[in-house]
Structure formats: structure tokens, C-alpha cells
Amino acid sequence: MNAAKLTAAHRSLPFGTKVLVTNKRNGKSVIVRINDRGPFIRGRVIDVSKAAAQNIGMVSSGTAQVCYQIVADSKKVAGKGMKDVDG
């Protein structure tokens, strides 16, 4: 994963999928592209790059509770709602 790009790792989402990740503590959001597999730590479902973490204000804490949703190319959100996750 390139730390300078807005990317993330997810265990099952297809590579290239764009995902809106929102920090539940401060409401900040970022759109990332899935380009890696992981995380492989129990209780974690998405691992964002350092650049993405900076955008949503979670660099100092290292982890944060986030919501994520898949974003279609036309900027419309796919699915019925946001999924609560620890990330």
C-alpha cells in the first residue's frame, strides 16, 4: 500500500473499489481506492493509508471507529446505508 495515496486494504472488496470512509468521532470523510488485502487483525475491517488517515484525523490515534460505504463511479452511493466498523 502506498502511504502517500488515498488507498486502503480490505479483505474481500474487489481491487479498484472506491469507498467513502468516515471517522465516527469527528465526522471527517475521505474516498479511498481498495488496492491491497487486509487487515488481518481481529476486529479490524479496513486499513487506510497514512494520507487517508491524515485526511480523517486518525494518525495520532492509529485506529478509529469508522463507517464505510462503497461509492459508485458516478459519485452515487451504492447500498442501503453505512456500515459501522472498527477500522
PDB file of N, CA and C in Angstrom:
ATOM      1  N   MET A   1       0.847  -1.173   0.000  1.00  0.00           N
ATOM      2  CA  MET A   1       0.000   0.000   0.000  1.00  0.00           C
ATOM      3  C   MET A   1       0.894   1.238   0.000  1.00  0.00           C
ATOM      4  N   ASN A   2       0.621   2.201  -0.869  1.00  0.00           N
ATOM      5  CA  ASN A   2       1.392   3.434  -0.949  1.00  0.00           C
ATOM      6  C   ASN A   2       0.859   4.422   0.088  1.00  0.00           C
ATOM      7  N   ALA A   3       1.675   4.786   1.064  1.00  0.00           N
ATOM      8  CA  ALA A   3       1.250   5.646   2.166  1.00  0.00           C
ATOM      9  C   ALA A   3       0.892   7.058   1.722  1.00  0.00           C
ATOM     10  N   ALA A   4       1.376   7.496   0.568  1.00  0.00           N
ATOM     11  CA  ALA A   4       1.131   8.859   0.105  1.00  0.00           C
ATOM     12  C   ALA A   4      -0.149   8.990  -0.719  1.00  0.00           C
ATOM     13  N   LYS A   5      -0.778   7.876  -1.058  1.00  0.00           N
ATOM     14  CA  LYS A   5      -2.001   7.911  -1.870  1.00  0.00           C
ATOM     15  C   LYS A   5      -3.215   7.581  -1.017  1.00  0.00           C
ATOM     16  N   LEU A   6      -4.385   7.943  -1.508  1.00  0.00           N
ATOM     17  CA  LEU A   6      -5.630   7.676  -0.795  1.00  0.00           C
ATOM     18  C   LEU A   6      -6.099   6.273  -1.145  1.00  0.00           C
ATOM     19  N   THR A   7      -5.508   5.301  -0.456  1.00  0.00           N
ATOM     20  CA  THR A   7      -5.794   3.899  -0.722  1.00  0.00           C
ATOM     21  C   THR A   7      -6.119   3.183   0.582  1.00  0.00           C
ATOM     22  N   ALA A   8      -6.583   1.931   0.450  1.00  0.00           N
ATOM     23  CA  ALA A   8      -6.914   1.142   1.635  1.00  0.00           C
ATOM     24  C   ALA A   8      -6.823  -0.336   1.319  1.00  0.00           C
ATOM     25  N   ALA A   9      -6.754  -1.122   2.374  1.00  0.00           N
ATOM     26  CA  ALA A   9      -6.775  -2.576   2.261  1.00  0.00           C
ATOM     27  C   ALA A   9      -8.083  -3.081   2.856  1.00  0.00           C
ATOM     28  N   HIS A  10      -8.672  -4.081   2.202  1.00  0.00           N
ATOM     29  CA  HIS A  10      -9.896  -4.727   2.674  1.00  0.00           C
ATOM     30  C   HIS A  10      -9.789  -6.202   2.321  1.00  0.00           C
ATOM     31  N   ARG A  11     -10.359  -7.062   3.150  1.00  0.00           N
ATOM     32  CA  ARG A  11     -10.221  -8.495   2.927  1.00  0.00           C
ATOM     33  C   ARG A  11     -10.953  -9.006   1.705  1.00  0.00           C
ATOM     34  N   SER A  12     -12.108  -8.427   1.355  1.00  0.00           N
ATOM     35  CA  SER A  12     -12.908  -9.035   0.294  1.00  0.00           C
ATOM     36  C   SER A  12     -13.388  -8.108  -0.813  1.00  0.00           C
ATOM     37  N   LEU A  13     -13.370  -6.803  -0.615  1.00  0.00           N
ATOM     38  CA  LEU A  13     -13.827  -5.906  -1.680  1.00  0.00           C
ATOM     39  C   LEU A  13     -12.888  -6.008  -2.877  1.00  0.00           C
ATOM     40  N   PRO A  14     -13.430  -5.941  -4.083  1.00  0.00           N
ATOM     41  CA  PRO A  14     -12.586  -6.040  -5.281  1.00  0.00           C
ATOM     42  C   PRO A  14     -11.591  -4.878  -5.373  1.00  0.00           C
ATOM     43  N   PHE A  15     -10.408  -5.161  -5.893  1.00  0.00           N
ATOM     44  CA  PHE A  15      -9.430  -4.107  -6.127  1.00  0.00           C
ATOM     45  C   PHE A  15     -10.036  -3.049  -7.043  1.00  0.00           C
ATOM     46  N   GLY A  16      -9.749  -1.799  -6.766  1.00  0.00           N
ATOM     47  CA  GLY A  16     -10.273  -0.697  -7.553  1.00  0.00           C
ATOM     48  C   GLY A  16     -11.567  -0.121  -7.015  1.00  0.00           C
ATOM     49  N   THR A  17     -12.206  -0.800  -6.070  1.00  0.00           N
ATOM     50  CA  THR A  17     -13.454  -0.296  -5.488  1.00  0.00           C
ATOM     51  C   THR A  17     -13.173   0.990  -4.739  1.00  0.00           C
ATOM     52  N   LYS A  18     -14.018   1.989  -4.943  1.00  0.00           N
ATOM     53  CA  LYS A  18     -13.895   3.247  -4.211  1.00  0.00           C
ATOM     54  C   LYS A  18     -14.820   3.198  -3.003  1.00  0.00           C
ATOM     55  N   VAL A  19     -14.286   3.613  -1.860  1.00  0.00           N
ATOM     56  CA  VAL A  19     -15.004   3.512  -0.599  1.00  0.00           C
ATOM     57  C   VAL A  19     -14.920   4.848   0.140  1.00  0.00           C
ATOM     58  N   LEU A  20     -16.066   5.327   0.614  1.00  0.00           N
ATOM     59  CA  LEU A  20     -16.107   6.523   1.456  1.00  0.00           C
ATOM     60  C   LEU A  20     -15.930   6.066   2.895  1.00  0.00           C
ATOM     61  N   VAL A  21     -14.868   6.537   3.552  1.00  0.00           N
ATOM     62  CA  VAL A  21     -14.576   6.174   4.935  1.00  0.00           C
ATOM     63  C   VAL A  21     -14.771   7.413   5.794  1.00  0.00           C
ATOM     64  N   THR A  22     -15.590   7.282   6.851  1.00  0.00           N
ATOM     65  CA  THR A  22     -15.896   8.406   7.734  1.00  0.00           C
ATOM     66  C   THR A  22     -15.491   8.076   9.160  1.00  0.00           C
ATOM     67  N   ASN A  23     -14.708   8.968   9.761  1.00  0.00           N
ATOM     68  CA  ASN A  23     -14.318   8.840  11.163  1.00  0.00           C
ATOM     69  C   ASN A  23     -15.533   9.204  12.011  1.00  0.00           C
ATOM     70  N   LYS A  24     -16.022   8.266  12.819  1.00  0.00           N
ATOM     71  CA  LYS A  24     -17.228   8.493  13.611  1.00  0.00           C
ATOM     72  C   LYS A  24     -17.016   9.534  14.709  1.00  0.00           C
ATOM     73  N   ARG A  25     -15.789   9.710  15.163  1.00  0.00           N
ATOM     74  CA  ARG A  25     -15.522  10.664  16.244  1.00  0.00           C
ATOM     75  C   ARG A  25     -15.645  12.111  15.795  1.00  0.00           C
ATOM     76  N   ASN A  26     -15.138  12.411  14.590  1.00  0.00           N
ATOM     77  CA  ASN A  26     -15.121  13.813  14.158  1.00  0.00           C
ATOM     78  C   ASN A  26     -15.929  14.087  12.885  1.00  0.00           C
ATOM     79  N   GLY A  27     -16.463  13.063  12.249  1.00  0.00           N
ATOM     80  CA  GLY A  27     -17.285  13.243  11.060  1.00  0.00           C
ATOM     81  C   GLY A  27     -16.519  13.493   9.770  1.00  0.00           C
ATOM     82  N   LYS A  28     -15.184  13.498   9.823  1.00  0.00           N
ATOM     83  CA  LYS A  28     -14.388  13.730   8.610  1.00  0.00           C
ATOM     84  C   LYS A  28     -14.414  12.490   7.723  1.00  0.00           C
ATOM     85  N   SER A  29     -14.455  12.727   6.390  1.00  0.00           N
ATOM     86  CA  SER A  29     -14.546  11.628   5.428  1.00  0.00           C
ATOM     87  C   SER A  29     -13.484  11.744   4.354  1.00  0.00           C
ATOM     88  N   VAL A  30     -13.190  10.597   3.737  1.00  0.00           N
ATOM     89  CA  VAL A  30     -12.255  10.541   2.619  1.00  0.00           C
ATOM     90  C   VAL A  30     -12.676   9.388   1.715  1.00  0.00           C
ATOM     91  N   ILE A  31     -12.459   9.556   0.417  1.00  0.00           N
ATOM     92  CA  ILE A  31     -12.709   8.462  -0.524  1.00  0.00           C
ATOM     93  C   ILE A  31     -11.375   7.797  -0.829  1.00  0.00           C
ATOM     94  N   VAL A  32     -11.331   6.484  -0.625  1.00  0.00           N
ATOM     95  CA  VAL A  32     -10.121   5.704  -0.881  1.00  0.00           C
ATOM     96  C   VAL A  32     -10.409   4.640  -1.930  1.00  0.00           C
ATOM     97  N   ARG A  33      -9.340   4.129  -2.537  1.00  0.00           N
ATOM     98  CA  ARG A  33      -9.451   3.047  -3.523  1.00  0.00           C
ATOM     99  C   ARG A  33      -8.820   1.800  -2.920  1.00  0.00           C
ATOM    100  N   ILE A  34      -9.528   0.687  -2.986  1.00  0.00           N
ATOM    101  CA  ILE A  34      -9.007  -0.570  -2.457  1.00  0.00           C
ATOM    102  C   ILE A  34      -7.914  -1.086  -3.404  1.00  0.00           C
ATOM    103  N   ASN A  35      -6.701  -1.281  -2.847  1.00  0.00           N
ATOM    104  CA  ASN A  35      -5.593  -1.768  -3.671  1.00  0.00           C
ATOM    105  C   ASN A  35      -4.747  -2.827  -2.956  1.00  0.00           C
ATOM    106  N   ASP A  36      -5.266  -3.345  -1.838  1.00  0.00           N
ATOM    107  CA  ASP A  36      -4.486  -4.317  -1.073  1.00  0.00           C
ATOM    108  C   ASP A  36      -5.436  -5.185  -0.259  1.00  0.00           C
ATOM    109  N   ARG A  37      -4.927  -6.291   0.273  1.00  0.00           N
ATOM    110  CA  ARG A  37      -5.700  -7.183   1.138  1.00  0.00           C
ATOM    111  C   ARG A  37      -5.284  -6.975   2.580  1.00  0.00           C
ATOM    112  N   GLY A  38      -6.234  -7.129   3.482  1.00  0.00           N
ATOM    113  CA  GLY A  38      -6.001  -6.954   4.905  1.00  0.00           C
ATOM    114  C   GLY A  38      -7.131  -6.128   5.468  1.00  0.00           C
ATOM    115  N   PRO A  39      -7.100  -5.729   6.673  1.00  0.00           N
ATOM    116  CA  PRO A  39      -6.131  -6.090   7.704  1.00  0.00           C
ATOM    117  C   PRO A  39      -6.415  -7.500   8.230  1.00  0.00           C
ATOM    118  N   PHE A  40      -5.425  -8.086   8.822  1.00  0.00           N
ATOM    119  CA  PHE A  40      -5.551  -9.447   9.328  1.00  0.00           C
ATOM    120  C   PHE A  40      -5.479  -9.477  10.848  1.00  0.00           C
ATOM    121  N   ILE A  41      -6.018  -8.438  11.452  1.00  0.00           N
ATOM    122  CA  ILE A  41      -6.102  -8.328  12.908  1.00  0.00           C
ATOM    123  C   ILE A  41      -7.575  -8.394  13.284  1.00  0.00           C
ATOM    124  N   ARG A  42      -7.918  -9.262  14.223  1.00  0.00           N
ATOM    125  CA  ARG A  42      -9.309  -9.445  14.632  1.00  0.00           C
ATOM    126  C   ARG A  42      -9.951  -8.117  15.027  1.00  0.00           C
ATOM    127  N   GLY A  43     -11.160  -7.897  14.536  1.00  0.00           N
ATOM    128  CA  GLY A  43     -11.906  -6.691  14.879  1.00  0.00           C
ATOM    129  C   GLY A  43     -11.680  -5.520  13.943  1.00  0.00           C
ATOM    130  N   ARG A  44     -10.745  -5.639  13.025  1.00  0.00           N
ATOM    131  CA  ARG A  44     -10.481  -4.555  12.077  1.00  0.00           C
ATOM    132  C   ARG A  44     -10.922  -5.000  10.690  1.00  0.00           C
ATOM    133  N   VAL A  45     -11.563  -4.092   9.946  1.00  0.00           N
ATOM    134  CA  VAL A  45     -12.088  -4.477   8.641  1.00  0.00           C
ATOM    135  C   VAL A  45     -11.512  -3.675   7.483  1.00  0.00           C
ATOM    136  N   ILE A  46     -10.904  -2.534   7.763  1.00  0.00           N
ATOM    137  CA  ILE A  46     -10.308  -1.732   6.700  1.00  0.00           C
ATOM    138  C   ILE A  46      -9.046  -1.075   7.245  1.00  0.00           C
ATOM    139  N   ASP A  47      -8.034  -0.994   6.409  1.00  0.00           N
ATOM    140  CA  ASP A  47      -6.751  -0.396   6.780  1.00  0.00           C
ATOM    141  C   ASP A  47      -6.461   0.701   5.765  1.00  0.00           C
ATOM    142  N   VAL A  48      -6.500   1.957   6.207  1.00  0.00           N
ATOM    143  CA  VAL A  48      -6.303   3.075   5.280  1.00  0.00           C
ATOM    144  C   VAL A  48      -4.847   3.515   5.268  1.00  0.00           C
ATOM    145  N   SER A  49      -4.430   4.108   4.159  1.00  0.00           N
ATOM    146  CA  SER A  49      -3.068   4.630   4.032  1.00  0.00           C
ATOM    147  C   SER A  49      -2.866   5.813   4.976  1.00  0.00           C
ATOM    148  N   LYS A  50      -1.609   6.186   5.163  1.00  0.00           N
ATOM    149  CA  LYS A  50      -1.305   7.320   6.044  1.00  0.00           C
ATOM    150  C   LYS A  50      -1.946   8.611   5.528  1.00  0.00           C
ATOM    151  N   ALA A  51      -1.932   8.813   4.218  1.00  0.00           N
ATOM    152  CA  ALA A  51      -2.541  10.016   3.641  1.00  0.00           C
ATOM    153  C   ALA A  51      -4.044  10.057   3.943  1.00  0.00           C
ATOM    154  N   ALA A  52      -4.712   8.921   3.817  1.00  0.00           N
ATOM    155  CA  ALA A  52      -6.147   8.859   4.116  1.00  0.00           C
ATOM    156  C   ALA A  52      -6.379   9.077   5.610  1.00  0.00           C
ATOM    157  N   ALA A  53      -5.536   8.487   6.445  1.00  0.00           N
ATOM    158  CA  ALA A  53      -5.659   8.658   7.893  1.00  0.00           C
ATOM    159  C   ALA A  53      -5.499  10.123   8.295  1.00  0.00           C
ATOM    160  N   GLN A  54      -4.581  10.825   7.627  1.00  0.00           N
ATOM    161  CA  GLN A  54      -4.407  12.254   7.910  1.00  0.00           C
ATOM    162  C   GLN A  54      -5.659  13.032   7.550  1.00  0.00           C
ATOM    163  N   ASN A  55      -6.286  12.677   6.433  1.00  0.00           N
ATOM    164  CA  ASN A  55      -7.494  13.381   5.990  1.00  0.00           C
ATOM    165  C   ASN A  55      -8.658  13.239   6.962  1.00  0.00           C
ATOM    166  N   ILE A  56      -8.734  12.122   7.658  1.00  0.00           N
ATOM    167  CA  ILE A  56      -9.856  11.925   8.577  1.00  0.00           C
ATOM    168  C   ILE A  56      -9.448  12.061  10.042  1.00  0.00           C
ATOM    169  N   GLY A  57      -8.234  12.516  10.280  1.00  0.00           N
ATOM    170  CA  GLY A  57      -7.796  12.843  11.642  1.00  0.00           C
ATOM    171  C   GLY A  57      -7.579  11.662  12.554  1.00  0.00           C
ATOM    172  N   MET A  58      -6.940  10.607  12.041  1.00  0.00           N
ATOM    173  CA  MET A  58      -6.692   9.454  12.906  1.00  0.00           C
ATOM    174  C   MET A  58      -5.237   9.004  12.931  1.00  0.00           C
ATOM    175  N   VAL A  59      -4.321   9.864  12.526  1.00  0.00           N
ATOM    176  CA  VAL A  59      -2.909   9.481  12.504  1.00  0.00           C
ATOM    177  C   VAL A  59      -2.373   9.310  13.923  1.00  0.00           C
ATOM    178  N   SER A  60      -2.678  10.234  14.806  1.00  0.00           N
ATOM    179  CA  SER A  60      -2.116  10.154  16.163  1.00  0.00           C
ATOM    180  C   SER A  60      -2.680   8.976  16.946  1.00  0.00           C
ATOM    181  N   SER A  61      -3.954   8.646  16.736  1.00  0.00           N
ATOM    182  CA  SER A  61      -4.550   7.529  17.472  1.00  0.00           C
ATOM    183  C   SER A  61      -4.194   6.173  16.860  1.00  0.00           C
ATOM    184  N   GLY A  62      -3.951   6.145  15.563  1.00  0.00           N
ATOM    185  CA  GLY A  62      -3.592   4.900  14.894  1.00  0.00           C
ATOM    186  C   GLY A  62      -4.779   4.063  14.470  1.00  0.00           C
ATOM    187  N   THR A  63      -5.823   4.030  15.276  1.00  0.00           N
ATOM    188  CA  THR A  63      -7.058   3.341  14.920  1.00  0.00           C
ATOM    189  C   THR A  63      -8.230   4.248  15.260  1.00  0.00           C
ATOM    190  N   ALA A  64      -9.355   3.975  14.634  1.00  0.00           N
ATOM    191  CA  ALA A  64     -10.559   4.760  14.902  1.00  0.00           C
ATOM    192  C   ALA A  64     -11.785   3.942  14.525  1.00  0.00           C
ATOM    193  N   GLN A  65     -12.893   4.265  15.143  1.00  0.00           N
ATOM    194  CA  GLN A  65     -14.151   3.678  14.715  1.00  0.00           C
ATOM    195  C   GLN A  65     -14.602   4.473  13.498  1.00  0.00           C
ATOM    196  N   VAL A  66     -14.876   3.753  12.421  1.00  0.00           N
ATOM    197  CA  VAL A  66     -15.277   4.397  11.179  1.00  0.00           C
ATOM    198  C   VAL A  66     -16.526   3.731  10.614  1.00  0.00           C
ATOM    199  N   CYS A  67     -17.182   4.447   9.722  1.00  0.00           N
ATOM    200  CA  CYS A  67     -18.228   3.893   8.880  1.00  0.00           C
ATOM    201  C   CYS A  67     -17.663   3.899   7.471  1.00  0.00           C
ATOM    202  N   TYR A  68     -18.078   2.925   6.664  1.00  0.00           N
ATOM    203  CA  TYR A  68     -17.643   2.973   5.277  1.00  0.00           C
ATOM    204  C   TYR A  68     -18.785   2.558   4.374  1.00  0.00           C
ATOM    205  N   GLN A  69     -18.772   3.104   3.161  1.00  0.00           N
ATOM    206  CA  GLN A  69     -19.751   2.718   2.152  1.00  0.00           C
ATOM    207  C   GLN A  69     -19.100   2.769   0.781  1.00  0.00           C
ATOM    208  N   ILE A  70     -19.515   1.848  -0.058  1.00  0.00           N
ATOM    209  CA  ILE A  70     -18.988   1.772  -1.415  1.00  0.00           C
ATOM    210  C   ILE A  70     -19.557   2.924  -2.222  1.00  0.00           C
ATOM    211  N   VAL A  71     -18.699   3.567  -3.004  1.00  0.00           N
ATOM    212  CA  VAL A  71     -19.101   4.703  -3.825  1.00  0.00           C
ATOM    213  C   VAL A  71     -18.994   4.297  -5.292  1.00  0.00           C
ATOM    214  N   ALA A  72     -20.065   4.501  -6.042  1.00  0.00           N
ATOM    215  CA  ALA A  72     -20.052   4.202  -7.476  1.00  0.00           C
ATOM    216  C   ALA A  72     -19.263   5.279  -8.209  1.00  0.00           C
ATOM    217  N   ASP A  73     -18.813   4.966  -9.416  1.00  0.00           N
ATOM    218  CA  ASP A  73     -18.021   5.916 -10.199  1.00  0.00           C
ATOM    219  C   ASP A  73     -18.736   7.231 -10.448  1.00  0.00           C
ATOM    220  N   SER A  74     -20.057   7.206 -10.520  1.00  0.00           N
ATOM    221  CA  SER A  74     -20.809   8.432 -10.795  1.00  0.00           C
ATOM    222  C   SER A  74     -21.052   9.233  -9.518  1.00  0.00           C
ATOM    223  N   LYS A  75     -20.337   8.903  -8.453  1.00  0.00           N
ATOM    224  CA  LYS A  75     -20.426   9.571  -7.153  1.00  0.00           C
ATOM    225  C   LYS A  75     -21.727   9.268  -6.428  1.00  0.00           C
ATOM    226  N   LYS A  76     -22.521   8.318  -6.929  1.00  0.00           N
ATOM    227  CA  LYS A  76     -23.697   7.881  -6.205  1.00  0.00           C
ATOM    228  C   LYS A  76     -23.275   6.786  -5.252  1.00  0.00           C
ATOM    229  N   VAL A  77     -23.911   6.731  -4.116  1.00  0.00           N
ATOM    230  CA  VAL A  77     -23.542   5.746  -3.116  1.00  0.00           C
ATOM    231  C   VAL A  77     -24.324   4.462  -3.357  1.00  0.00           C
ATOM    232  N   ALA A  78     -23.616   3.347  -3.392  1.00  0.00           N
ATOM    233  CA  ALA A  78     -24.246   2.046  -3.568  1.00  0.00           C
ATOM    234  C   ALA A  78     -24.667   1.509  -2.200  1.00  0.00           C
ATOM    235  N   GLY A  79     -25.678   0.715  -2.181  1.00  0.00           N
ATOM    236  CA  GLY A  79     -26.113   0.086  -0.943  1.00  0.00           C
ATOM    237  C   GLY A  79     -27.193   0.887  -0.247  1.00  0.00           C
ATOM    238  N   LYS A  80     -27.627   0.391   0.884  1.00  0.00           N
ATOM    239  CA  LYS A  80     -28.753   0.993   1.596  1.00  0.00           C
ATOM    240  C   LYS A  80     -28.337   1.864   2.769  1.00  0.00           C
ATOM    241  N   GLY A  81     -27.083   1.826   3.169  1.00  0.00           N
ATOM    242  CA  GLY A  81     -26.687   2.633   4.303  1.00  0.00           C
ATOM    243  C   GLY A  81     -25.230   2.432   4.638  1.00  0.00           C
ATOM    244  N   MET A  82     -24.829   3.062   5.707  1.00  0.00           N
ATOM    245  CA  MET A  82     -23.433   2.974   6.124  1.00  0.00           C
ATOM    246  C   MET A  82     -23.260   1.788   7.039  1.00  0.00           C
ATOM    247  N   LYS A  83     -22.136   1.151   6.944  1.00  0.00           N
ATOM    248  CA  LYS A  83     -21.825   0.005   7.778  1.00  0.00           C
ATOM    249  C   LYS A  83     -20.896   0.465   8.886  1.00  0.00           C
ATOM    250  N   ASP A  84     -21.275   0.210  10.150  1.00  0.00           N
ATOM    251  CA  ASP A  84     -20.433   0.563  11.285  1.00  0.00           C
ATOM    252  C   ASP A  84     -19.324  -0.461  11.416  1.00  0.00           C
ATOM    253  N   VAL A  85     -18.090   0.036  11.543  1.00  0.00           N
ATOM    254  CA  VAL A  85     -16.947  -0.861  11.680  1.00  0.00           C
ATOM    255  C   VAL A  85     -15.913  -0.238  12.594  1.00  0.00           C
ATOM    256  N   ASP A  86     -15.041  -1.052  13.140  1.00  0.00           N
ATOM    257  CA  ASP A  86     -13.824  -0.553  13.794  1.00  0.00           C
ATOM    258  C   ASP A  86     -12.736  -0.646  12.758  1.00  0.00           C
ATOM    259  N   GLY A  87     -12.043   0.442  12.505  1.00  0.00           N
ATOM    260  CA  GLY A  87     -11.041   0.406  11.450  1.00  0.00           C
ATOM    261  C   GLY A  87      -9.753   1.012  11.814  1.00  0.00           C
TER     262      GLY A  87
END
